[in-house]
N, C-alpha and C. Protein backbone atom coordinates (compact mmCIF):
# COMPACT_ATOMS: atom_id res chain seq x y z
N MET A 1 -33.48 -7.98 -1.59
CA MET A 1 -33.18 -8.45 -3.08
C MET A 1 -32.72 -7.35 -4.08
N PRO A 2 -31.70 -7.27 -4.38
CA PRO A 2 -31.15 -6.12 -5.35
C PRO A 2 -32.35 -6.21 -6.43
N PRO A 3 -32.53 -4.59 -7.00
CA PRO A 3 -33.20 -4.41 -8.01
C PRO A 3 -33.57 -5.36 -9.49
N GLY A 4 -32.10 -6.02 -10.27
CA GLY A 4 -31.99 -7.11 -11.14
C GLY A 4 -32.65 -8.29 -10.43
N GLY A 5 -32.65 -8.50 -9.22
CA GLY A 5 -32.51 -10.04 -8.90
C GLY A 5 -31.33 -10.58 -8.29
N TYR A 6 -30.61 -11.80 -7.85
CA TYR A 6 -29.68 -12.07 -6.78
C TYR A 6 -28.19 -12.76 -8.35
N ALA A 7 -28.90 -12.51 -9.60
CA ALA A 7 -28.64 -13.41 -10.89
C ALA A 7 -28.06 -11.88 -11.25
N TRP A 8 -28.76 -11.01 -11.04
CA TRP A 8 -28.09 -9.85 -11.93
C TRP A 8 -27.16 -8.78 -11.46
N GLU A 9 -27.39 -9.60 -9.84
CA GLU A 9 -26.36 -8.86 -8.70
C GLU A 9 -24.95 -9.56 -9.00
N THR A 10 -24.70 -10.61 -9.08
CA THR A 10 -23.81 -12.14 -9.17
C THR A 10 -22.78 -11.10 -10.47
N ALA A 11 -23.92 -10.92 -11.75
CA ALA A 11 -23.34 -10.79 -12.97
C ALA A 11 -22.79 -9.56 -13.39
N THR A 12 -23.38 -8.75 -12.82
CA THR A 12 -23.09 -7.21 -13.13
C THR A 12 -22.56 -6.40 -11.90
N GLU A 13 -22.61 -6.70 -10.77
CA GLU A 13 -22.99 -5.61 -9.53
C GLU A 13 -22.01 -6.14 -8.41
N ARG A 14 -21.01 -6.30 -8.40
CA ARG A 14 -20.03 -7.47 -7.08
C ARG A 14 -19.66 -5.90 -6.75
N MET A 15 -18.98 -6.10 -5.38
CA MET A 15 -18.47 -4.98 -4.52
C MET A 15 -17.06 -5.80 -4.58
N LEU A 16 -16.03 -4.67 -4.30
CA LEU A 16 -14.54 -5.38 -4.22
C LEU A 16 -14.68 -5.84 -2.58
N PRO A 17 -13.27 -6.86 -2.55
CA PRO A 17 -13.36 -7.17 -1.64
C PRO A 17 -13.48 -6.33 -0.02
N GLY A 18 -14.04 -6.29 0.63
CA GLY A 18 -14.07 -5.56 1.67
C GLY A 18 -15.04 -4.49 1.83
N GLU A 19 -15.69 -4.59 0.99
CA GLU A 19 -16.71 -3.16 0.54
C GLU A 19 -18.05 -3.95 1.14
N GLY A 20 -18.55 -5.21 1.18
CA GLY A 20 -19.87 -5.43 1.21
C GLY A 20 -19.87 -5.92 2.93
N GLU A 21 -20.90 -6.88 3.33
CA GLU A 21 -20.75 -7.51 4.98
C GLU A 21 -20.82 -8.65 4.70
N LEU A 22 -19.90 -9.64 4.14
CA LEU A 22 -19.38 -10.51 3.80
C LEU A 22 -18.16 -10.69 5.15
N PRO A 23 -18.17 -11.34 5.58
CA PRO A 23 -17.15 -11.74 6.30
C PRO A 23 -15.67 -12.20 6.03
N LEU A 24 -14.88 -11.01 5.20
CA LEU A 24 -14.37 -11.89 4.56
C LEU A 24 -13.20 -12.04 5.63
N HIS A 25 -12.53 -11.60 6.21
CA HIS A 25 -11.38 -11.71 7.24
C HIS A 25 -11.22 -13.03 7.77
N ALA A 26 -12.62 -13.47 8.61
CA ALA A 26 -12.55 -14.74 8.72
C ALA A 26 -12.31 -15.82 7.67
N LEU A 27 -13.61 -15.65 6.55
CA LEU A 27 -12.76 -16.52 5.83
C LEU A 27 -11.99 -17.16 4.78
N VAL A 28 -11.01 -15.63 4.68
CA VAL A 28 -9.51 -16.27 4.69
C VAL A 28 -8.66 -16.73 5.42
N ASP A 29 -9.04 -16.28 6.69
CA ASP A 29 -8.61 -16.84 8.09
C ASP A 29 -8.48 -18.53 7.88
N ALA A 30 -9.63 -19.11 7.65
CA ALA A 30 -10.30 -20.41 7.91
C ALA A 30 -9.73 -20.83 6.65
N VAL A 31 -8.90 -20.47 5.75
CA VAL A 31 -8.30 -21.38 4.54
C VAL A 31 -6.84 -21.75 4.92
N PRO A 32 -6.79 -23.06 4.55
CA PRO A 32 -5.08 -23.40 5.10
C PRO A 32 -4.30 -22.38 3.86
N SER A 33 -3.04 -21.90 4.72
CA SER A 33 -1.75 -21.74 3.85
C SER A 33 -1.44 -22.60 2.20
N GLY A 34 -1.40 -21.72 1.48
CA GLY A 34 -0.97 -22.42 -0.30
C GLY A 34 -2.24 -22.29 -0.96
N VAL A 35 -3.37 -22.21 -0.48
CA VAL A 35 -4.79 -22.12 -0.88
C VAL A 35 -4.78 -21.08 -2.12
N LEU A 36 -4.44 -20.95 -3.84
CA LEU A 36 -4.88 -20.11 -3.84
C LEU A 36 -6.37 -19.66 -4.16
N LEU A 37 -5.76 -18.25 -4.27
CA LEU A 37 -7.15 -17.17 -3.90
C LEU A 37 -7.54 -16.49 -5.28
N ALA A 38 -8.75 -16.15 -5.82
CA ALA A 38 -9.31 -15.46 -6.48
C ALA A 38 -10.33 -14.36 -5.93
N ALA A 39 -10.47 -13.15 -7.01
CA ALA A 39 -11.73 -12.37 -6.77
C ALA A 39 -11.91 -12.04 -7.70
N GLY A 40 -13.30 -12.07 -8.28
CA GLY A 40 -13.89 -12.05 -9.42
C GLY A 40 -14.99 -10.57 -9.11
N ALA A 41 -14.79 -9.26 -9.47
CA ALA A 41 -15.91 -8.12 -9.01
C ALA A 41 -16.58 -8.12 -10.19
N PRO A 42 -17.41 -7.82 -10.91
CA PRO A 42 -17.29 -7.16 -11.91
C PRO A 42 -18.42 -5.97 -11.48
N SER A 43 -18.41 -4.41 -12.30
CA SER A 43 -19.27 -3.69 -11.63
C SER A 43 -19.72 -2.82 -13.55
N GLN A 44 -20.87 -3.19 -13.66
CA GLN A 44 -21.67 -2.63 -14.48
C GLN A 44 -21.78 -0.86 -13.88
N ARG A 45 -21.84 -0.50 -12.74
CA ARG A 45 -21.81 0.79 -12.50
C ARG A 45 -20.84 1.50 -12.59
N ARG A 46 -19.53 1.04 -12.52
CA ARG A 46 -18.10 1.20 -12.51
C ARG A 46 -17.69 1.61 -13.69
N ARG A 47 -18.06 0.68 -15.00
CA ARG A 47 -18.15 0.99 -15.98
C ARG A 47 -18.86 1.68 -16.96
N ASP A 48 -20.08 2.12 -16.17
CA ASP A 48 -21.21 3.10 -16.62
C ASP A 48 -20.66 4.45 -16.43
N ALA A 49 -19.79 4.52 -15.52
CA ALA A 49 -19.33 5.95 -14.63
C ALA A 49 -17.97 6.06 -15.78
N GLY A 50 -17.42 5.39 -16.32
CA GLY A 50 -16.04 5.49 -17.66
C GLY A 50 -15.15 5.82 -16.75
N LEU A 51 -15.18 4.44 -15.62
CA LEU A 51 -13.83 4.22 -14.52
C LEU A 51 -12.55 3.02 -15.51
N PRO A 52 -11.88 3.77 -16.10
CA PRO A 52 -10.94 2.84 -16.90
C PRO A 52 -10.68 1.62 -16.14
N ALA A 53 -10.78 1.05 -16.93
CA ALA A 53 -10.02 -1.00 -16.47
C ALA A 53 -8.52 -0.78 -15.80
N ASP A 54 -7.95 -0.20 -15.64
CA ASP A 54 -6.60 -0.08 -15.29
C ASP A 54 -6.98 0.64 -13.77
N ALA A 55 -7.76 1.51 -13.86
CA ALA A 55 -7.89 2.57 -12.81
C ALA A 55 -8.43 0.97 -11.36
N TYR A 56 -9.48 0.52 -11.84
CA TYR A 56 -10.62 -0.37 -11.55
C TYR A 56 -9.42 -1.37 -10.90
N ALA A 57 -8.66 -2.23 -11.90
CA ALA A 57 -7.83 -2.92 -11.54
C ALA A 57 -6.75 -2.96 -10.12
N ALA A 58 -6.38 -1.75 -10.08
CA ALA A 58 -5.91 -1.04 -9.20
C ALA A 58 -6.41 -0.71 -7.86
N ARG A 59 -7.57 -0.42 -7.46
CA ARG A 59 -8.65 -0.48 -7.14
C ARG A 59 -8.81 -1.98 -5.81
N ALA A 60 -9.35 -2.86 -7.15
CA ALA A 60 -9.09 -4.37 -6.45
C ALA A 60 -7.94 -4.76 -6.14
N MET A 61 -6.69 -4.66 -6.50
CA MET A 61 -5.45 -4.83 -5.75
C MET A 61 -5.34 -4.34 -4.74
N ASP A 62 -5.57 -3.06 -4.05
CA ASP A 62 -5.57 -2.36 -3.13
C ASP A 62 -6.23 -3.31 -2.29
N SER A 63 -7.87 -3.49 -2.74
CA SER A 63 -8.49 -3.80 -1.49
C SER A 63 -8.49 -5.69 -1.44
N LEU A 64 -7.76 -5.96 -2.43
CA LEU A 64 -6.92 -7.74 -1.70
C LEU A 64 -6.10 -7.43 -0.55
N THR A 65 -4.86 -6.40 -1.30
CA THR A 65 -4.26 -6.26 -0.40
C THR A 65 -4.14 -6.35 1.44
N ARG A 66 -5.57 -5.25 1.28
CA ARG A 66 -5.97 -4.97 2.78
C ARG A 66 -6.25 -6.27 3.21
N LEU A 67 -7.59 -6.92 2.35
CA LEU A 67 -7.94 -8.21 3.04
C LEU A 67 -7.04 -9.19 3.79
N LEU A 68 -5.47 -9.25 2.87
CA LEU A 68 -4.60 -10.43 2.94
C LEU A 68 -3.79 -9.83 3.45
N GLY A 69 -3.84 -8.41 4.28
CA GLY A 69 -2.77 -8.61 5.35
C GLY A 69 -2.00 -7.26 5.25
N GLY A 70 -1.63 -7.36 3.95
CA GLY A 70 -0.29 -6.11 3.28
C GLY A 70 -1.10 -4.76 3.18
N GLY A 71 -1.88 -4.28 4.43
CA GLY A 71 -2.11 -3.25 4.41
C GLY A 71 -3.47 -3.08 5.46
N LYS A 72 -3.66 -1.75 6.19
CA LYS A 72 -4.40 -1.69 7.47
C LYS A 72 -5.83 -2.71 6.93
N ARG A 73 -6.50 -3.17 7.83
CA ARG A 73 -7.75 -4.04 8.05
C ARG A 73 -8.83 -2.30 8.54
């Protein structure tokens, strides 16, 4: 369990798609074509480290592009 519990992790410390252990490729492959997908990955750690929002957004977009097949898996 995360230090602050699962609720803390969900609200403040999610990983970007592809960084964790969840089998996202299999889950995305199971979703019918045309279904809108979204990702939310708040990160207090990255915010505290001073990572600008636009840089974090770019990392998030890169991870989603790889997940959805627009880049190397």
